[in-house]
Amino acid sequence: MKKSLLALSLSVGLMSLVQADALEDRYNRTCAVCHAAGAAGAPRTGDVAEWDKRLQEKGMDALVANAKNGIKAMPPKGMCFDCSDEDFKALIEYMAKPKS
């Protein structure tokens, strides 16, 4: 029983790491081109105050819509042409967190 629980918890932990790596990889391939440096007014990744302000004022649904439809200098879908709404939400949450 203990071995089964240990194996299950290790599997869940490993899956979380794989998902986090996949999210970071997608961010690096798509969002980082503008959000890492704040190009053309894009909120910088890890700028918690700026992301919190946007999330408070607009809400997550509006930010996802902006990512899908484009806003200001950001073209529709940004650079993530195969992202779903859930992918955009995860990427926004990733960028809104403080840098480690």
C-alpha atoms as a PDB file:
ATOM      1  CA  MET A   1       0.000   0.000   0.000  1.00  0.00           C
ATOM      2  CA  LYS A   2       2.764   2.428   0.947  1.00  0.00           C
ATOM      3  CA  LYS A   3       4.624   1.645  -2.287  1.00  0.00           C
ATOM      4  CA  SER A   4       1.483   2.316  -4.332  1.00  0.00           C
ATOM      5  CA  LEU A   5       0.944   5.683  -2.627  1.00  0.00           C
ATOM      6  CA  LEU A   6       4.575   6.608  -3.094  1.00  0.00           C
ATOM      7  CA  ALA A   7       4.471   5.643  -6.772  1.00  0.00           C
ATOM      8  CA  LEU A   8       1.263   7.618  -7.266  1.00  0.00           C
ATOM      9  CA  SER A   9       2.616  10.735  -5.582  1.00  0.00           C
ATOM     10  CA  LEU A  10       5.854  10.515  -7.573  1.00  0.00           C
ATOM     11  CA  SER A  11       3.865  10.146 -10.795  1.00  0.00           C
ATOM     12  CA  VAL A  12       1.714  13.179  -9.983  1.00  0.00           C
ATOM     13  CA  GLY A  13       4.796  15.207  -9.085  1.00  0.00           C
ATOM     14  CA  LEU A  14       6.566  14.193 -12.281  1.00  0.00           C
ATOM     15  CA  MET A  15       3.485  15.028 -14.354  1.00  0.00           C
ATOM     16  CA  SER A  16       3.359  18.499 -12.765  1.00  0.00           C
ATOM     17  CA  LEU A  17       7.002  19.084 -13.658  1.00  0.00           C
ATOM     18  CA  VAL A  18       6.446  17.953 -17.231  1.00  0.00           C
ATOM     19  CA  GLN A  19       3.419  20.252 -17.573  1.00  0.00           C
ATOM     20  CA  ALA A  20       5.377  23.172 -16.095  1.00  0.00           C
ATOM     21  CA  ASP A  21       8.237  22.527 -18.525  1.00  0.00           C
ATOM     22  CA  ALA A  22       5.794  22.370 -21.443  1.00  0.00           C
ATOM     23  CA  LEU A  23       4.206  25.667 -20.371  1.00  0.00           C
ATOM     24  CA  GLU A  24       7.595  27.344 -20.001  1.00  0.00           C
ATOM     25  CA  ASP A  25       8.631  25.990 -23.410  1.00  0.00           C
ATOM     26  CA  ARG A  26       5.436  27.329 -25.025  1.00  0.00           C
ATOM     27  CA  TYR A  27       5.997  30.703 -23.316  1.00  0.00           C
ATOM     28  CA  ASN A  28       9.590  30.820 -24.585  1.00  0.00           C
ATOM     29  CA  ARG A  29       8.497  29.967 -28.145  1.00  0.00           C
ATOM     30  CA  THR A  30       5.549  32.353 -28.299  1.00  0.00           C
ATOM     31  CA  CYS A  31       5.117  35.021 -25.619  1.00  0.00           C
ATOM     32  CA  ALA A  32       8.686  35.794 -24.565  1.00  0.00           C
ATOM     33  CA  VAL A  33       9.494  37.548 -27.835  1.00  0.00           C
ATOM     34  CA  CYS A  34       7.483  40.566 -26.597  1.00  0.00           C
ATOM     35  CA  HIS A  35       6.658  39.987 -22.939  1.00  0.00           C
ATOM     36  CA  ALA A  36      10.208  39.298 -21.713  1.00  0.00           C
ATOM     37  CA  ALA A  37      11.346  42.804 -22.668  1.00  0.00           C
ATOM     38  CA  GLY A  38       8.006  44.616 -22.667  1.00  0.00           C
ATOM     39  CA  ALA A  39       8.157  45.317 -26.411  1.00  0.00           C
ATOM     40  CA  ALA A  40       5.565  47.772 -27.739  1.00  0.00           C
ATOM     41  CA  GLY A  41       4.019  48.202 -24.289  1.00  0.00           C
ATOM     42  CA  ALA A  42       3.465  44.500 -23.593  1.00  0.00           C
ATOM     43  CA  PRO A  43       3.338  43.843 -19.843  1.00  0.00           C
ATOM     44  CA  ARG A  44       6.595  42.233 -18.807  1.00  0.00           C
ATOM     45  CA  THR A  45       6.658  38.691 -17.553  1.00  0.00           C
ATOM     46  CA  GLY A  46       6.991  38.722 -13.782  1.00  0.00           C
ATOM     47  CA  ASP A  47       5.750  42.322 -13.377  1.00  0.00           C
ATOM     48  CA  VAL A  48       3.208  41.349 -10.750  1.00  0.00           C
ATOM     49  CA  ALA A  49       1.899  44.897 -10.233  1.00  0.00           C
ATOM     50  CA  GLU A  50       1.187  45.420 -13.936  1.00  0.00           C
ATOM     51  CA  TRP A  51      -0.456  42.029 -14.392  1.00  0.00           C
ATOM     52  CA  ASP A  52      -2.503  42.411 -11.194  1.00  0.00           C
ATOM     53  CA  LYS A  53      -3.692  45.812 -12.421  1.00  0.00           C
ATOM     54  CA  ARG A  54      -4.795  44.339 -15.759  1.00  0.00           C
ATOM     55  CA  LEU A  55      -6.444  41.339 -14.127  1.00  0.00           C
ATOM     56  CA  GLN A  56      -8.303  43.601 -11.677  1.00  0.00           C
ATOM     57  CA  GLU A  57      -9.431  46.093 -14.329  1.00  0.00           C
ATOM     58  CA  LYS A  58     -10.256  43.716 -17.176  1.00  0.00           C
ATOM     59  CA  GLY A  59     -10.489  40.228 -15.722  1.00  0.00           C
ATOM     60  CA  MET A  60      -9.080  36.990 -17.074  1.00  0.00           C
ATOM     61  CA  ASP A  61     -11.767  36.526 -19.740  1.00  0.00           C
ATOM     62  CA  ALA A  62     -10.941  39.903 -21.314  1.00  0.00           C
ATOM     63  CA  LEU A  63      -7.204  39.187 -21.235  1.00  0.00           C
ATOM     64  CA  VAL A  64      -7.774  35.832 -22.937  1.00  0.00           C
ATOM     65  CA  ALA A  65      -9.957  37.603 -25.533  1.00  0.00           C
ATOM     66  CA  ASN A  66      -7.191  40.167 -26.097  1.00  0.00           C
ATOM     67  CA  ALA A  67      -4.682  37.372 -26.633  1.00  0.00           C
ATOM     68  CA  LYS A  68      -7.000  35.640 -29.111  1.00  0.00           C
ATOM     69  CA  ASN A  69      -8.149  38.742 -30.987  1.00  0.00           C
ATOM     70  CA  GLY A  70      -5.119  40.985 -30.626  1.00  0.00           C
ATOM     71  CA  ILE A  71      -4.781  44.339 -28.921  1.00  0.00           C
ATOM     72  CA  LYS A  72      -2.708  47.394 -29.840  1.00  0.00           C
ATOM     73  CA  ALA A  73       0.587  46.070 -31.302  1.00  0.00           C
ATOM     74  CA  MET A  74      -0.209  42.443 -30.394  1.00  0.00           C
ATOM     75  CA  PRO A  75      -1.576  40.568 -33.394  1.00  0.00           C
ATOM     76  CA  PRO A  76      -4.392  38.026 -33.008  1.00  0.00           C
ATOM     77  CA  LYS A  77      -3.096  34.921 -31.223  1.00  0.00           C
ATOM     78  CA  GLY A  78       0.208  36.700 -30.573  1.00  0.00           C
ATOM     79  CA  MET A  79       2.709  34.099 -31.711  1.00  0.00           C
ATOM     80  CA  CYS A  80       0.706  31.115 -30.418  1.00  0.00           C
ATOM     81  CA  PHE A  81      -1.413  30.128 -33.374  1.00  0.00           C
ATOM     82  CA  ASP A  82      -2.438  26.776 -31.883  1.00  0.00           C
ATOM     83  CA  CYS A  83      -3.267  28.013 -28.366  1.00  0.00           C
ATOM     84  CA  SER A  84      -6.679  27.305 -26.878  1.00  0.00           C
ATOM     85  CA  ASP A  85      -8.406  29.585 -24.385  1.00  0.00           C
ATOM     86  CA  GLU A  86      -7.056  27.366 -21.607  1.00  0.00           C
ATOM     87  CA  ASP A  87      -3.537  27.665 -23.031  1.00  0.00           C
ATOM     88  CA  PHE A  88      -3.816  31.466 -23.097  1.00  0.00           C
ATOM     89  CA  LYS A  89      -5.125  31.469 -19.531  1.00  0.00           C
ATOM     90  CA  ALA A  90      -2.204  29.307 -18.366  1.00  0.00           C
ATOM     91  CA  LEU A  91       0.278  31.540 -20.198  1.00  0.00           C
ATOM     92  CA  ILE A  92      -1.226  34.699 -18.666  1.00  0.00           C
ATOM     93  CA  GLU A  93      -1.049  33.126 -15.205  1.00  0.00           C
ATOM     94  CA  TYR A  94       2.572  32.133 -15.910  1.00  0.00           C
ATOM     95  CA  MET A  95       3.504  35.678 -16.965  1.00  0.00           C
ATOM     96  CA  ALA A  96       1.638  37.244 -14.015  1.00  0.00           C
ATOM     97  CA  LYS A  97       3.694  35.347 -11.430  1.00  0.00           C
ATOM     98  CA  PRO A  98       6.848  36.850  -9.968  1.00  0.00           C
ATOM     99  CA  LYS A  99      10.045  35.638 -11.576  1.00  0.00           C
ATOM    100  CA  SER A 100      11.846  33.060  -9.496  1.00  0.00           C
END
